[in-house]
Structures are given as C-alpha cells and as structure tokens.
PDB file of N, CA and C in Angstrom:
ATOM      1  N   MET A   1      -2.677  60.827 -20.002  1.00  0.00           N
ATOM      2  CA  MET A   1      -3.031  59.961 -18.883  1.00  0.00           C
ATOM      3  C   MET A   1      -2.916  58.489 -19.271  1.00  0.00           C
ATOM      4  N   ALA A   2      -3.358  58.168 -20.488  1.00  0.00           N
ATOM      5  CA  ALA A   2      -3.271  56.777 -20.937  1.00  0.00           C
ATOM      6  C   ALA A   2      -1.817  56.340 -21.082  1.00  0.00           C
ATOM      7  N   VAL A   3      -0.959  57.272 -21.513  1.00  0.00           N
ATOM      8  CA  VAL A   3       0.469  56.942 -21.648  1.00  0.00           C
ATOM      9  C   VAL A   3       1.064  56.620 -20.281  1.00  0.00           C
ATOM     10  N   LEU A   4       0.728  57.433 -19.291  1.00  0.00           N
ATOM     11  CA  LEU A   4       1.234  57.196 -17.938  1.00  0.00           C
ATOM     12  C   LEU A   4       0.746  55.850 -17.403  1.00  0.00           C
ATOM     13  N   ARG A   5      -0.513  55.533 -17.662  1.00  0.00           N
ATOM     14  CA  ARG A   5      -1.071  54.261 -17.210  1.00  0.00           C
ATOM     15  C   ARG A   5      -0.346  53.089 -17.880  1.00  0.00           C
ATOM     16  N   ASN A   6      -0.058  53.217 -19.183  1.00  0.00           N
ATOM     17  CA  ASN A   6       0.657  52.153 -19.890  1.00  0.00           C
ATOM     18  C   ASN A   6       2.073  51.980 -19.353  1.00  0.00           C
ATOM     19  N   VAL A   7       2.732  53.092 -19.038  1.00  0.00           N
ATOM     20  CA  VAL A   7       4.091  53.013 -18.484  1.00  0.00           C
ATOM     21  C   VAL A   7       4.072  52.324 -17.126  1.00  0.00           C
ATOM     22  N   ILE A   8       3.127  52.718 -16.280  1.00  0.00           N
ATOM     23  CA  ILE A   8       3.026  52.112 -14.949  1.00  0.00           C
ATOM     24  C   ILE A   8       2.718  50.624 -15.073  1.00  0.00           C
ATOM     25  N   THR A   9       1.806  50.266 -15.971  1.00  0.00           N
ATOM     26  CA  THR A   9       1.444  48.861 -16.155  1.00  0.00           C
ATOM     27  C   THR A   9       2.636  48.064 -16.665  1.00  0.00           C
ATOM     28  N   GLY A  10       3.381  48.626 -17.622  1.00  0.00           N
ATOM     29  CA  GLY A  10       4.558  47.933 -18.157  1.00  0.00           C
ATOM     30  C   GLY A  10       5.623  47.725 -17.097  1.00  0.00           C
ATOM     31  N   VAL A  11       5.862  48.761 -16.288  1.00  0.00           N
ATOM     32  CA  VAL A  11       6.856  48.652 -15.216  1.00  0.00           C
ATOM     33  C   VAL A  11       6.393  47.633 -14.183  1.00  0.00           C
ATOM     34  N   GLY A  12       5.110  47.665 -13.857  1.00  0.00           N
ATOM     35  CA  GLY A  12       4.574  46.702 -12.895  1.00  0.00           C
ATOM     36  C   GLY A  12       4.711  45.277 -13.379  1.00  0.00           C
ATOM     37  N   ARG A  13       4.426  45.058 -14.664  1.00  0.00           N
ATOM     38  CA  ARG A  13       4.562  43.723 -15.233  1.00  0.00           C
ATOM     39  C   ARG A  13       6.004  43.241 -15.170  1.00  0.00           C
ATOM     40  N   ARG A  14       6.922  44.151 -15.525  1.00  0.00           N
ATOM     41  CA  ARG A  14       8.343  43.776 -15.484  1.00  0.00           C
ATOM     42  C   ARG A  14       8.785  43.491 -14.058  1.00  0.00           C
ATOM     43  N   LEU A  15       8.309  44.293 -13.122  1.00  0.00           N
ATOM     44  CA  LEU A  15       8.676  44.092 -11.724  1.00  0.00           C
ATOM     45  C   LEU A  15       8.168  42.746 -11.218  1.00  0.00           C
ATOM     46  N   VAL A  16       6.941  42.393 -11.576  1.00  0.00           N
ATOM     47  CA  VAL A  16       6.385  41.102 -11.169  1.00  0.00           C
ATOM     48  C   VAL A  16       7.206  39.966 -11.766  1.00  0.00           C
ATOM     49  N   LEU A  17       7.591  40.083 -13.034  1.00  0.00           N
ATOM     50  CA  LEU A  17       8.404  39.039 -13.664  1.00  0.00           C
ATOM     51  C   LEU A  17       9.762  38.906 -12.983  1.00  0.00           C
ATOM     52  N   VAL A  18      10.369  40.029 -12.636  1.00  0.00           N
ATOM     53  CA  VAL A  18      11.672  39.985 -11.956  1.00  0.00           C
ATOM     54  C   VAL A  18      11.537  39.326 -10.592  1.00  0.00           C
ATOM     55  N   VAL A  19      10.501  39.698  -9.843  1.00  0.00           N
ATOM     56  CA  VAL A  19      10.298  39.122  -8.512  1.00  0.00           C
ATOM     57  C   VAL A  19      10.040  37.624  -8.615  1.00  0.00           C
ATOM     58  N   LEU A  20       9.193  37.213  -9.553  1.00  0.00           N
ATOM     59  CA  LEU A  20       8.923  35.785  -9.723  1.00  0.00           C
ATOM     60  C   LEU A  20      10.182  35.029 -10.124  1.00  0.00           C
ATOM     61  N   THR A  21      10.977  35.607 -11.011  1.00  0.00           N
ATOM     62  CA  THR A  21      12.223  34.961 -11.420  1.00  0.00           C
ATOM     63  C   THR A  21      13.161  34.797 -10.234  1.00  0.00           C
ATOM     64  N   LEU A  22      13.280  35.836  -9.414  1.00  0.00           N
ATOM     65  CA  LEU A  22      14.146  35.744  -8.239  1.00  0.00           C
ATOM     66  C   LEU A  22      13.640  34.699  -7.247  1.00  0.00           C
ATOM     67  N   LEU A  23      12.330  34.608  -7.081  1.00  0.00           N
ATOM     68  CA  LEU A  23      11.775  33.596  -6.180  1.00  0.00           C
ATOM     69  C   LEU A  23      12.063  32.187  -6.682  1.00  0.00           C
ATOM     70  N   VAL A  24      11.912  31.980  -7.992  1.00  0.00           N
ATOM     71  CA  VAL A  24      12.194  30.657  -8.567  1.00  0.00           C
ATOM     72  C   VAL A  24      13.668  30.318  -8.403  1.00  0.00           C
ATOM     73  N   LEU A  25      14.549  31.281  -8.680  1.00  0.00           N
ATOM     74  CA  LEU A  25      15.984  31.027  -8.528  1.00  0.00           C
ATOM     75  C   LEU A  25      16.338  30.730  -7.069  1.00  0.00           C
ATOM     76  N   ALA A  26      15.727  31.440  -6.141  1.00  0.00           N
ATOM     77  CA  ALA A  26      15.987  31.180  -4.726  1.00  0.00           C
ATOM     78  C   ALA A  26      15.489  29.795  -4.331  1.00  0.00           C
ATOM     79  N   ALA A  27      14.334  29.405  -4.848  1.00  0.00           N
ATOM     80  CA  ALA A  27      13.801  28.078  -4.542  1.00  0.00           C
ATOM     81  C   ALA A  27      14.703  26.990  -5.112  1.00  0.00           C
ATOM     82  N   LEU A  28      15.199  27.188  -6.326  1.00  0.00           N
ATOM     83  CA  LEU A  28      16.099  26.201  -6.920  1.00  0.00           C
ATOM     84  C   LEU A  28      17.422  26.148  -6.168  1.00  0.00           C
ATOM     85  N   HIS A  29      17.861  27.280  -5.665  1.00  0.00           N
ATOM     86  CA  HIS A  29      19.116  27.313  -4.916  1.00  0.00           C
ATOM     87  C   HIS A  29      18.974  26.569  -3.591  1.00  0.00           C
ATOM     88  N   GLU A  30      17.813  26.653  -2.969  1.00  0.00           N
ATOM     89  CA  GLU A  30      17.587  26.013  -1.677  1.00  0.00           C
ATOM     90  C   GLU A  30      17.138  24.564  -1.807  1.00  0.00           C
ATOM     91  N   ALA A  31      16.721  24.150  -2.985  1.00  0.00           N
ATOM     92  CA  ALA A  31      16.138  22.819  -3.139  1.00  0.00           C
ATOM     93  C   ALA A  31      17.126  21.688  -2.869  1.00  0.00           C
ATOM     94  N   PRO A  32      18.353  21.691  -3.392  1.00  0.00           N
ATOM     95  CA  PRO A  32      19.228  20.539  -3.179  1.00  0.00           C
ATOM     96  C   PRO A  32      19.477  20.192  -1.711  1.00  0.00           C
ATOM     97  N   PRO A  33      19.779  21.157  -0.812  1.00  0.00           N
ATOM     98  CA  PRO A  33      19.954  20.768   0.594  1.00  0.00           C
ATOM     99  C   PRO A  33      18.687  20.169   1.198  1.00  0.00           C
ATOM    100  N   MET A  34      17.529  20.715   0.821  1.00  0.00           N
ATOM    101  CA  MET A  34      16.280  20.179   1.353  1.00  0.00           C
ATOM    102  C   MET A  34      16.061  18.760   0.864  1.00  0.00           C
ATOM    103  N   ILE A  35      16.349  18.528  -0.412  1.00  0.00           N
ATOM    104  CA  ILE A  35      16.172  17.185  -0.966  1.00  0.00           C
ATOM    105  C   ILE A  35      17.142  16.214  -0.300  1.00  0.00           C
ATOM    106  N   MET A  36      18.384  16.653  -0.109  1.00  0.00           N
ATOM    107  CA  MET A  36      19.376  15.783   0.525  1.00  0.00           C
ATOM    108  C   MET A  36      18.983  15.484   1.969  1.00  0.00           C
ATOM    109  N   ALA A  37      18.488  16.478   2.687  1.00  0.00           N
ATOM    110  CA  ALA A  37      18.079  16.261   4.072  1.00  0.00           C
ATOM    111  C   ALA A  37      16.898  15.298   4.130  1.00  0.00           C
ATOM    112  N   SER A  38      15.969  15.451   3.206  1.00  0.00           N
ATOM    113  CA  SER A  38      14.814  14.558   3.166  1.00  0.00           C
ATOM    114  C   SER A  38      15.250  13.134   2.852  1.00  0.00           C
ATOM    115  N   ALA A  39      16.168  12.986   1.904  1.00  0.00           N
ATOM    116  CA  ALA A  39      16.660  11.652   1.553  1.00  0.00           C
ATOM    117  C   ALA A  39      17.412  11.033   2.727  1.00  0.00           C
ATOM    118  N   ALA A  40      18.191  11.843   3.439  1.00  0.00           N
ATOM    119  CA  ALA A  40      18.935  11.327   4.589  1.00  0.00           C
ATOM    120  C   ALA A  40      17.975  10.876   5.683  1.00  0.00           C
ATOM    121  N   ARG A  41      16.922  11.643   5.922  1.00  0.00           N
ATOM    122  CA  ARG A  41      15.934  11.241   6.932  1.00  0.00           C
ATOM    123  C   ARG A  41      15.254   9.945   6.523  1.00  0.00           C
ATOM    124  N   GLY A  42      14.891   9.845   5.250  1.00  0.00           N
ATOM    125  CA  GLY A  42      14.243   8.621   4.770  1.00  0.00           C
ATOM    126  C   GLY A  42      15.146   7.416   4.915  1.00  0.00           C
ATOM    127  N   TRP A  43      16.427   7.580   4.589  1.00  0.00           N
ATOM    128  CA  TRP A  43      17.382   6.475   4.706  1.00  0.00           C
ATOM    129  C   TRP A  43      17.568   6.096   6.169  1.00  0.00           C
ATOM    130  N   PHE A  44      17.605   7.103   7.062  1.00  0.00           N
ATOM    131  CA  PHE A  44      17.751   6.837   8.491  1.00  0.00           C
ATOM    132  C   PHE A  44      16.590   5.985   8.996  1.00  0.00           C
ATOM    133  N   PHE A  45      15.371   6.318   8.595  1.00  0.00           N
ATOM    134  CA  PHE A  45      14.217   5.558   9.058  1.00  0.00           C
ATOM    135  C   PHE A  45      14.169   4.175   8.427  1.00  0.00           C
ATOM    136  N   LEU A  46      14.679   4.037   7.211  1.00  0.00           N
ATOM    137  CA  LEU A  46      14.731   2.710   6.599  1.00  0.00           C
ATOM    138  C   LEU A  46      15.754   1.823   7.301  1.00  0.00           C
ATOM    139  N   GLU A  47      16.841   2.419   7.778  1.00  0.00           N
ATOM    140  CA  GLU A  47      17.900   1.653   8.431  1.00  0.00           C
ATOM    141  C   GLU A  47      17.513   1.246   9.851  1.00  0.00           C
ATOM    142  N   ARG A  48      16.647   2.006  10.494  1.00  0.00           N
ATOM    143  CA  ARG A  48      16.244   1.665  11.866  1.00  0.00           C
ATOM    144  C   ARG A  48      15.334   0.450  11.835  1.00  0.00           C
ATOM    145  N   LYS A  49      15.591  -0.476  12.728  1.00  0.00           N
ATOM    146  CA  LYS A  49      14.779  -1.695  12.773  1.00  0.00           C
ATOM    147  C   LYS A  49      13.743  -1.656  13.898  1.00  0.00           C
ATOM    148  N   ASP A  50      13.845  -0.673  14.783  1.00  0.00           N
ATOM    149  CA  ASP A  50      12.936  -0.635  15.929  1.00  0.00           C
ATOM    150  C   ASP A  50      11.727   0.266  15.708  1.00  0.00           C
ATOM    151  N   TYR A  51      11.493   0.675  14.480  1.00  0.00           N
ATOM    152  CA  TYR A  51      10.356   1.560  14.220  1.00  0.00           C
ATOM    153  C   TYR A  51       9.063   0.790  14.018  1.00  0.00           C
ATOM    154  N   VAL A  52       9.126  -0.528  13.931  1.00  0.00           N
ATOM    155  CA  VAL A  52       7.918  -1.334  13.681  1.00  0.00           C
ATOM    156  C   VAL A  52       7.138  -1.508  14.965  1.00  0.00           C
TER     157      VAL A  52
END
C-alpha cells in the first residue's frame, strides 16, 4: 500500500510540474503581444493632446 501511495504521489508531483511548466510557457508565449499592445495604447494616449 505504501508503494502504491509513493507511486501516486510521484506521478502527481510530476504532473503538477508539467502543468506548471506548460502554463509558464503559454504565459511567456502570450506576453509579447500583450506588452506591445499595452505600449501602443500608452503611446497613443501620450500622443493625444485632448486628454487633459
């Protein structure tokens, strides 16, 4: 029983690490467009003179 519990725990740990790694990679993949869009919005508002 203890062996089965250790196997399940080890698999669960590996699964959590894989899921977290995939989430981080997905976030890094999506980050550049979001950053560029945010920078473009900021530049647009800086260029507008009627926002005051």
